N, C-alpha and C. Protein backbone atom coordinates (compact mmCIF):
# COMPACT_ATOMS: atom_id res chain seq x y z
N MET A 1 -6.51 -29.26 -162.63
CA MET A 1 -5.74 -30.07 -161.72
C MET A 1 -5.76 -29.47 -160.32
N LYS A 2 -5.76 -28.14 -160.25
CA LYS A 2 -5.83 -27.48 -158.95
C LYS A 2 -7.13 -27.84 -158.23
N GLU A 3 -8.19 -27.98 -159.00
CA GLU A 3 -9.49 -28.30 -158.42
C GLU A 3 -9.48 -29.69 -157.78
N VAL A 4 -8.83 -30.65 -158.42
CA VAL A 4 -8.73 -32.01 -157.88
C VAL A 4 -7.94 -31.99 -156.58
N PHE A 5 -6.82 -31.30 -156.56
CA PHE A 5 -6.05 -31.20 -155.32
C PHE A 5 -6.82 -30.47 -154.23
N GLY A 6 -7.66 -29.54 -154.63
CA GLY A 6 -8.51 -28.86 -153.66
C GLY A 6 -9.51 -29.80 -153.02
N PHE A 7 -10.09 -30.70 -153.83
CA PHE A 7 -11.02 -31.70 -153.28
C PHE A 7 -10.31 -32.63 -152.31
N ILE A 8 -9.11 -33.06 -152.68
CA ILE A 8 -8.34 -33.96 -151.80
C ILE A 8 -7.97 -33.24 -150.51
N ARG A 9 -7.56 -32.00 -150.61
CA ARG A 9 -7.21 -31.22 -149.42
C ARG A 9 -8.42 -31.03 -148.51
N ASP A 10 -9.58 -30.74 -149.11
CA ASP A 10 -10.80 -30.60 -148.31
C ASP A 10 -11.19 -31.90 -147.64
N TYR A 11 -11.01 -33.01 -148.34
CA TYR A 11 -11.33 -34.30 -147.75
C TYR A 11 -10.48 -34.54 -146.49
N PHE A 12 -9.19 -34.34 -146.58
CA PHE A 12 -8.32 -34.55 -145.44
C PHE A 12 -8.53 -33.51 -144.34
N ARG A 13 -9.05 -32.37 -144.70
CA ARG A 13 -9.32 -31.36 -143.69
C ARG A 13 -10.54 -31.72 -142.85
N TYR A 14 -11.56 -32.32 -143.49
CA TYR A 14 -12.83 -32.56 -142.79
C TYR A 14 -13.04 -33.99 -142.34
N VAL A 15 -12.18 -34.93 -142.71
CA VAL A 15 -12.37 -36.31 -142.31
C VAL A 15 -11.97 -36.48 -140.84
N ASP A 16 -12.64 -37.38 -140.17
CA ASP A 16 -12.32 -37.68 -138.77
C ASP A 16 -11.04 -38.52 -138.77
N LYS A 17 -9.96 -37.96 -138.25
CA LYS A 17 -8.65 -38.61 -138.33
C LYS A 17 -8.59 -39.90 -137.51
N LYS A 18 -9.24 -39.92 -136.35
CA LYS A 18 -9.25 -41.14 -135.53
C LYS A 18 -9.98 -42.26 -136.25
N LEU A 19 -11.13 -41.94 -136.83
CA LEU A 19 -11.91 -42.94 -137.54
C LEU A 19 -11.16 -43.45 -138.78
N LEU A 20 -10.52 -42.56 -139.49
CA LEU A 20 -9.73 -42.95 -140.65
C LEU A 20 -8.59 -43.88 -140.24
N THR A 21 -7.93 -43.58 -139.13
CA THR A 21 -6.83 -44.42 -138.65
C THR A 21 -7.32 -45.79 -138.22
N VAL A 22 -8.42 -45.84 -137.49
CA VAL A 22 -8.95 -47.12 -137.02
C VAL A 22 -9.40 -47.99 -138.19
N CYS A 23 -10.10 -47.40 -139.15
CA CYS A 23 -10.56 -48.17 -140.30
C CYS A 23 -9.40 -48.63 -141.18
N THR A 24 -8.37 -47.81 -141.31
CA THR A 24 -7.20 -48.20 -142.08
C THR A 24 -6.45 -49.34 -141.41
N LEU A 25 -6.29 -49.25 -140.09
CA LEU A 25 -5.64 -50.35 -139.36
C LEU A 25 -6.44 -51.63 -139.42
N GLN A 26 -7.76 -51.52 -139.31
CA GLN A 26 -8.62 -52.70 -139.40
C GLN A 26 -8.48 -53.35 -140.78
N SER A 27 -8.46 -52.56 -141.82
CA SER A 27 -8.29 -53.10 -143.17
C SER A 27 -6.93 -53.76 -143.34
N ALA A 28 -5.90 -53.12 -142.81
CA ALA A 28 -4.55 -53.68 -142.92
C ALA A 28 -4.45 -55.00 -142.17
N ILE A 29 -5.04 -55.09 -141.00
CA ILE A 29 -5.00 -56.33 -140.23
C ILE A 29 -5.76 -57.44 -140.94
N LEU A 30 -6.92 -57.13 -141.48
CA LEU A 30 -7.70 -58.16 -142.18
C LEU A 30 -7.00 -58.62 -143.46
N ILE A 31 -6.37 -57.70 -144.17
CA ILE A 31 -5.62 -58.09 -145.37
C ILE A 31 -4.44 -58.97 -144.99
N TYR A 32 -3.73 -58.60 -143.92
CA TYR A 32 -2.61 -59.42 -143.46
C TYR A 32 -3.07 -60.82 -143.08
N LEU A 33 -4.15 -60.91 -142.30
CA LEU A 33 -4.65 -62.23 -141.89
C LEU A 33 -5.08 -63.06 -143.09
N ASN A 34 -5.70 -62.42 -144.06
CA ASN A 34 -6.14 -63.14 -145.25
C ASN A 34 -4.95 -63.70 -146.02
N TYR A 35 -3.91 -62.91 -146.20
CA TYR A 35 -2.75 -63.39 -146.94
C TYR A 35 -1.87 -64.33 -146.12
N HIS A 36 -1.74 -64.05 -144.83
CA HIS A 36 -0.89 -64.90 -143.99
C HIS A 36 -1.47 -66.30 -143.83
N TYR A 37 -2.76 -66.37 -143.57
CA TYR A 37 -3.40 -67.67 -143.38
C TYR A 37 -4.05 -68.21 -144.66
N GLN A 38 -3.95 -67.48 -145.75
CA GLN A 38 -4.46 -67.87 -147.07
C GLN A 38 -5.92 -68.31 -147.00
N LEU A 39 -6.73 -67.48 -146.37
CA LEU A 39 -8.14 -67.80 -146.18
C LEU A 39 -8.88 -67.88 -147.51
N GLU A 40 -8.64 -66.92 -148.37
CA GLU A 40 -9.36 -66.89 -149.65
C GLU A 40 -9.03 -68.11 -150.50
N SER A 41 -7.76 -68.44 -150.61
CA SER A 41 -7.40 -69.60 -151.44
C SER A 41 -7.86 -70.90 -150.79
N TRP A 42 -7.88 -70.95 -149.46
CA TRP A 42 -8.36 -72.15 -148.78
C TRP A 42 -9.85 -72.35 -149.05
N LEU A 43 -10.60 -71.27 -149.10
CA LEU A 43 -12.03 -71.38 -149.37
C LEU A 43 -12.32 -71.73 -150.82
N THR A 44 -11.50 -71.27 -151.73
CA THR A 44 -11.79 -71.48 -153.15
C THR A 44 -11.21 -72.77 -153.71
N THR A 45 -10.16 -73.31 -153.11
CA THR A 45 -9.53 -74.50 -153.70
C THR A 45 -9.97 -75.81 -153.06
N ARG A 46 -10.59 -75.75 -151.91
CA ARG A 46 -11.03 -76.98 -151.25
C ARG A 46 -12.23 -77.55 -151.97
N LYS A 47 -12.27 -78.86 -152.04
CA LYS A 47 -13.43 -79.53 -152.62
C LYS A 47 -14.43 -79.75 -151.50
N MET A 48 -15.38 -78.86 -151.40
CA MET A 48 -16.40 -78.96 -150.37
C MET A 48 -17.73 -78.53 -150.95
N LEU A 49 -18.73 -78.66 -150.16
CA LEU A 49 -20.05 -78.21 -150.57
C LEU A 49 -20.04 -76.70 -150.81
N ALA A 50 -21.04 -76.24 -151.50
CA ALA A 50 -21.08 -74.81 -151.84
C ALA A 50 -21.36 -73.94 -150.63
N TRP A 51 -22.18 -74.40 -149.70
CA TRP A 51 -22.58 -73.51 -148.61
C TRP A 51 -21.45 -73.20 -147.63
N PRO A 52 -20.50 -74.13 -147.30
CA PRO A 52 -19.41 -73.69 -146.41
C PRO A 52 -18.51 -72.63 -147.06
N ALA A 53 -18.27 -72.77 -148.36
CA ALA A 53 -17.46 -71.75 -149.05
C ALA A 53 -18.20 -70.42 -149.08
N PHE A 54 -19.49 -70.46 -149.33
CA PHE A 54 -20.29 -69.24 -149.33
C PHE A 54 -20.30 -68.60 -147.95
N ALA A 55 -20.49 -69.42 -146.92
CA ALA A 55 -20.51 -68.91 -145.55
C ALA A 55 -19.16 -68.32 -145.16
N GLY A 56 -18.07 -68.94 -145.58
CA GLY A 56 -16.75 -68.41 -145.29
C GLY A 56 -16.51 -67.07 -145.96
N HIS A 57 -16.88 -66.98 -147.25
CA HIS A 57 -16.73 -65.71 -147.95
C HIS A 57 -17.65 -64.65 -147.33
N TYR A 58 -18.85 -65.04 -146.97
CA TYR A 58 -19.78 -64.11 -146.34
C TYR A 58 -19.20 -63.57 -145.04
N LEU A 59 -18.62 -64.44 -144.25
CA LEU A 59 -18.04 -64.02 -142.97
C LEU A 59 -16.86 -63.06 -143.19
N ILE A 60 -16.02 -63.34 -144.16
CA ILE A 60 -14.89 -62.46 -144.46
C ILE A 60 -15.38 -61.08 -144.88
N PHE A 61 -16.34 -61.05 -145.81
CA PHE A 61 -16.79 -59.77 -146.35
C PHE A 61 -17.66 -58.99 -145.36
N ILE A 62 -18.48 -59.68 -144.59
CA ILE A 62 -19.31 -58.96 -143.62
C ILE A 62 -18.43 -58.37 -142.51
N THR A 63 -17.34 -59.04 -142.18
CA THR A 63 -16.40 -58.49 -141.20
C THR A 63 -15.71 -57.26 -141.76
N ALA A 64 -15.24 -57.37 -143.00
CA ALA A 64 -14.51 -56.25 -143.61
C ALA A 64 -15.41 -55.04 -143.83
N LEU A 65 -16.68 -55.25 -144.13
CA LEU A 65 -17.57 -54.13 -144.39
C LEU A 65 -18.39 -53.72 -143.18
N GLY A 66 -18.60 -54.62 -142.25
CA GLY A 66 -19.42 -54.32 -141.08
C GLY A 66 -18.69 -53.58 -139.98
N LEU A 67 -17.42 -53.91 -139.77
CA LEU A 67 -16.67 -53.25 -138.71
C LEU A 67 -16.53 -51.74 -138.93
N PRO A 68 -16.20 -51.26 -140.13
CA PRO A 68 -16.15 -49.80 -140.31
C PRO A 68 -17.51 -49.13 -140.07
N TYR A 69 -18.58 -49.82 -140.41
CA TYR A 69 -19.91 -49.27 -140.15
C TYR A 69 -20.13 -49.13 -138.64
N ILE A 70 -19.72 -50.14 -137.88
CA ILE A 70 -19.83 -50.09 -136.42
C ILE A 70 -18.94 -48.97 -135.87
N PHE A 71 -17.73 -48.84 -136.39
CA PHE A 71 -16.83 -47.78 -135.95
C PHE A 71 -17.45 -46.40 -136.20
N CYS A 72 -18.06 -46.23 -137.37
CA CYS A 72 -18.69 -44.95 -137.70
C CYS A 72 -19.86 -44.65 -136.76
N SER A 73 -20.67 -45.65 -136.48
CA SER A 73 -21.81 -45.42 -135.61
C SER A 73 -21.36 -45.12 -134.18
N LEU A 74 -20.26 -45.74 -133.73
CA LEU A 74 -19.74 -45.43 -132.40
C LEU A 74 -19.12 -44.04 -132.36
N ALA A 75 -18.49 -43.63 -133.46
CA ALA A 75 -17.85 -42.30 -133.49
C ALA A 75 -18.88 -41.18 -133.50
N GLU A 76 -20.06 -41.43 -134.06
CA GLU A 76 -21.09 -40.39 -134.12
C GLU A 76 -21.76 -40.16 -132.78
N LYS A 77 -21.70 -41.14 -131.89
CA LYS A 77 -22.38 -41.00 -130.59
C LYS A 77 -21.62 -40.12 -129.65
């Protein structure tokens, strides 16, 4: 158990705190927007063609996964 806590302590020691804060806030904002505006349920319950629902889900997920990648690349420069 001490070894596990050691790994967690090392992670927090070496992680970039600014990057962790920005990515956490970005995730929190996107989760809030998704639940507040019910984007996921709107995309899944509407009777529409398959491609608009796919495009909507693609946009949600590429935003959620792409922004942290952009943040990391900006932080490394």
